[in-house]
C-alpha atoms as a PDB file:
ATOM      1  CA  MET A   1      64.591  54.679 -40.884  1.00  0.00           C
ATOM      2  CA  ILE A   2      67.304  56.661 -42.598  1.00  0.00           C
ATOM      3  CA  HIS A   3      69.339  56.928 -39.418  1.00  0.00           C
ATOM      4  CA  GLU A   4      68.887  53.261 -38.580  1.00  0.00           C
ATOM      5  CA  GLY A   5      69.890  52.372 -42.140  1.00  0.00           C
ATOM      6  CA  ILE A   6      72.998  54.503 -41.835  1.00  0.00           C
ATOM      7  CA  ALA A   7      73.873  52.851 -38.533  1.00  0.00           C
ATOM      8  CA  GLU A   8      73.490  49.333 -39.922  1.00  0.00           C
ATOM      9  CA  ASN A   9      75.472  50.162 -43.064  1.00  0.00           C
ATOM     10  CA  PHE A  10      78.175  51.816 -40.981  1.00  0.00           C
ATOM     11  CA  ALA A  11      78.449  48.709 -38.819  1.00  0.00           C
ATOM     12  CA  THR A  12      78.732  46.422 -41.843  1.00  0.00           C
ATOM     13  CA  SER A  13      81.398  48.684 -43.332  1.00  0.00           C
ATOM     14  CA  MET A  14      83.418  48.198 -40.159  1.00  0.00           C
ATOM     15  CA  PHE A  15      82.713  44.556 -39.353  1.00  0.00           C
ATOM     16  CA  GLY A  16      81.639  43.012 -42.669  1.00  0.00           C
ATOM     17  CA  GLU A  17      78.375  42.135 -44.390  1.00  0.00           C
ATOM     18  CA  ASP A  18      78.277  38.807 -42.570  1.00  0.00           C
ATOM     19  CA  MET A  19      77.696  40.751 -39.343  1.00  0.00           C
ATOM     20  CA  VAL A  20      74.522  42.462 -40.560  1.00  0.00           C
ATOM     21  CA  GLY A  21      71.658  42.239 -38.086  1.00  0.00           C
ATOM     22  CA  PRO A  22      69.152  39.390 -38.385  1.00  0.00           C
ATOM     23  CA  TRP A  23      66.358  41.876 -39.174  1.00  0.00           C
ATOM     24  CA  VAL A  24      68.246  42.502 -42.425  1.00  0.00           C
ATOM     25  CA  SER A  25      69.659  39.059 -43.183  1.00  0.00           C
ATOM     26  CA  LYS A  26      66.241  37.441 -42.750  1.00  0.00           C
ATOM     27  CA  THR A  27      64.556  39.888 -45.144  1.00  0.00           C
ATOM     28  CA  ASP A  28      64.870  38.865 -48.782  1.00  0.00           C
ATOM     29  CA  LYS A  29      64.515  41.326 -51.666  1.00  0.00           C
ATOM     30  CA  GLU A  30      61.151  39.916 -52.721  1.00  0.00           C
ATOM     31  CA  THR A  31      59.655  40.403 -49.256  1.00  0.00           C
ATOM     32  CA  LEU A  32      61.206  43.846 -49.047  1.00  0.00           C
ATOM     33  CA  ASN A  33      59.999  45.042 -52.449  1.00  0.00           C
ATOM     34  CA  ASP A  34      56.617  43.336 -52.657  1.00  0.00           C
ATOM     35  CA  TYR A  35      55.462  43.498 -49.062  1.00  0.00           C
ATOM     36  CA  ILE A  36      57.430  45.769 -46.728  1.00  0.00           C
ATOM     37  CA  LYS A  37      58.165  48.784 -48.924  1.00  0.00           C
ATOM     38  CA  PRO A  38      54.563  49.391 -50.041  1.00  0.00           C
ATOM     39  CA  ILE A  39      53.323  49.423 -46.437  1.00  0.00           C
ATOM     40  CA  ILE A  40      56.124  51.673 -45.239  1.00  0.00           C
ATOM     41  CA  LYS A  41      55.762  54.018 -48.215  1.00  0.00           C
ATOM     42  CA  ASP A  42      52.082  54.470 -47.350  1.00  0.00           C
ATOM     43  CA  GLY A  43      53.090  55.446 -43.816  1.00  0.00           C
ATOM     44  CA  LEU A  44      55.922  57.872 -44.514  1.00  0.00           C
ATOM     45  CA  ASN A  45      53.938  60.808 -43.142  1.00  0.00           C
ATOM     46  CA  VAL A  46      52.861  59.039 -39.954  1.00  0.00           C
ATOM     47  CA  THR A  47      53.952  60.757 -36.748  1.00  0.00           C
ATOM     48  CA  GLY A  48      53.969  59.924 -33.063  1.00  0.00           C
ATOM     49  CA  MET A  49      55.604  56.965 -31.377  1.00  0.00           C
ATOM     50  CA  ASP A  50      52.260  55.205 -31.039  1.00  0.00           C
ATOM     51  CA  ASN A  51      51.886  55.331 -34.811  1.00  0.00           C
ATOM     52  CA  ILE A  52      55.455  54.814 -36.035  1.00  0.00           C
ATOM     53  CA  THR A  53      56.355  51.897 -33.778  1.00  0.00           C
ATOM     54  CA  ALA A  54      54.897  49.235 -36.081  1.00  0.00           C
ATOM     55  CA  TYR A  55      56.620  50.774 -39.112  1.00  0.00           C
ATOM     56  CA  LEU A  56      60.048  50.614 -37.519  1.00  0.00           C
ATOM     57  CA  TYR A  57      59.849  47.644 -35.157  1.00  0.00           C
ATOM     58  CA  GLY A  58      57.044  45.593 -36.701  1.00  0.00           C
ATOM     59  CA  ASP A  59      53.680  44.467 -35.401  1.00  0.00           C
ATOM     60  CA  GLU A  60      55.025  42.256 -32.636  1.00  0.00           C
ATOM     61  CA  MET A  61      56.727  45.146 -30.852  1.00  0.00           C
ATOM     62  CA  ALA A  62      53.849  47.529 -31.524  1.00  0.00           C
ATOM     63  CA  GLU A  63      51.323  45.149 -29.990  1.00  0.00           C
ATOM     64  CA  MET A  64      53.562  44.538 -26.976  1.00  0.00           C
ATOM     65  CA  GLN A  65      53.421  48.276 -26.314  1.00  0.00           C
ATOM     66  CA  GLY A  66      49.676  48.527 -26.874  1.00  0.00           C
ATOM     67  CA  TYR A  67      49.978  50.125 -30.320  1.00  0.00           C
ATOM     68  CA  PHE A  68      48.225  49.159 -33.527  1.00  0.00           C
ATOM     69  CA  PRO A  69      49.690  46.560 -35.912  1.00  0.00           C
ATOM     70  CA  ILE A  70      49.972  47.384 -39.616  1.00  0.00           C
ATOM     71  CA  GLY A  71      51.057  44.053 -41.063  1.00  0.00           C
ATOM     72  CA  LEU A  72      54.847  44.256 -40.838  1.00  0.00           C
ATOM     73  CA  PRO A  73      57.304  41.634 -39.592  1.00  0.00           C
ATOM     74  CA  TYR A  74      59.793  42.163 -36.780  1.00  0.00           C
ATOM     75  CA  CYS A  75      62.036  45.190 -37.378  1.00  0.00           C
ATOM     76  CA  ALA A  76      60.856  45.666 -40.965  1.00  0.00           C
ATOM     77  CA  GLY A  77      61.725  49.357 -40.783  1.00  0.00           C
ATOM     78  CA  TYR A  78      65.314  48.553 -39.882  1.00  0.00           C
ATOM     79  CA  ALA A  79      65.623  46.218 -42.864  1.00  0.00           C
ATOM     80  CA  CYS A  80      64.011  48.783 -45.135  1.00  0.00           C
ATOM     81  CA  GLY A  81      66.327  51.493 -43.823  1.00  0.00           C
ATOM     82  CA  TYR A  82      69.365  49.321 -44.438  1.00  0.00           C
ATOM     83  CA  TYR A  83      68.450  48.699 -48.070  1.00  0.00           C
ATOM     84  CA  MET A  84      67.375  52.317 -48.511  1.00  0.00           C
ATOM     85  CA  ILE A  85      70.829  53.533 -47.524  1.00  0.00           C
ATOM     86  CA  LYS A  86      72.550  50.850 -49.619  1.00  0.00           C
ATOM     87  CA  HIS A  87      70.536  52.221 -52.543  1.00  0.00           C
ATOM     88  CA  TYR A  88      71.606  55.769 -51.672  1.00  0.00           C
ATOM     89  CA  LEU A  89      75.281  54.825 -51.419  1.00  0.00           C
ATOM     90  CA  LYS A  90      75.226  52.978 -54.725  1.00  0.00           C
ATOM     91  CA  LYS A  91      73.327  55.741 -56.499  1.00  0.00           C
ATOM     92  CA  THR A  92      75.503  58.594 -55.237  1.00  0.00           C
ATOM     93  CA  GLY A  93      78.861  56.877 -54.912  1.00  0.00           C
ATOM     94  CA  LYS A  94      79.204  58.414 -51.461  1.00  0.00           C
ATOM     95  CA  SER A  95      80.888  56.614 -48.614  1.00  0.00           C
ATOM     96  CA  ILE A  96      78.986  55.655 -45.492  1.00  0.00           C
ATOM     97  CA  GLU A  97      80.999  58.292 -43.645  1.00  0.00           C
ATOM     98  CA  GLU A  98      79.742  60.953 -46.055  1.00  0.00           C
ATOM     99  CA  ALA A  99      76.184  59.659 -45.751  1.00  0.00           C
ATOM    100  CA  THR A 100      76.426  59.911 -41.977  1.00  0.00           C
ATOM    101  CA  VAL A 101      76.743  63.696 -42.163  1.00  0.00           C
ATOM    102  CA  THR A 102      74.250  64.144 -45.007  1.00  0.00           C
ATOM    103  CA  PRO A 103      70.893  65.594 -43.929  1.00  0.00           C
ATOM    104  CA  ALA A 104      68.055  63.069 -44.028  1.00  0.00           C
ATOM    105  CA  SER A 105      66.054  65.486 -46.180  1.00  0.00           C
ATOM    106  CA  GLU A 106      68.754  65.344 -48.862  1.00  0.00           C
ATOM    107  CA  ILE A 107      68.904  61.549 -48.740  1.00  0.00           C
ATOM    108  CA  THR A 108      65.115  61.371 -49.022  1.00  0.00           C
ATOM    109  CA  LYS A 109      65.152  63.428 -52.225  1.00  0.00           C
ATOM    110  CA  VAL A 110      67.847  61.283 -53.818  1.00  0.00           C
ATOM    111  CA  ILE A 111      66.194  57.949 -53.038  1.00  0.00           C
ATOM    112  CA  GLU A 112      62.676  58.634 -54.303  1.00  0.00           C
ATOM    113  CA  ASP A 113      63.169  55.847 -56.863  1.00  0.00           C
ATOM    114  CA  PHE A 114      63.920  53.359 -54.057  1.00  0.00           C
ATOM    115  CA  TRP A 115      60.194  52.907 -53.481  1.00  0.00           C
ATOM    116  CA  SER A 116      59.546  51.709 -57.030  1.00  0.00           C
ATOM    117  CA  GLU A 117      62.464  49.334 -57.603  1.00  0.00           C
END
């Protein structure tokens, strides 16, 4: 999710916020905070493509591949990653270019409060 969030934020820095992907633009803050983030937070330690697919791509894509749904909309992980990195950039004052070369483990430590906002 961190890498997808960096990619989406990098693209919007180049092409503008109005070019953000529909998986982000169709996810409002209330849905993100009250619905998506709690499910994803509970699954942060999940491993294996068969298990992480629903967290990143949503139930629709997971079911299409024969994996288990977890209650997330299409590309919820991408939307969550986008807002996660926006939070990181705002909190640290770093540019998206700097974030791109920052280890995911460092970003994860800095954004622990993202899950409770």
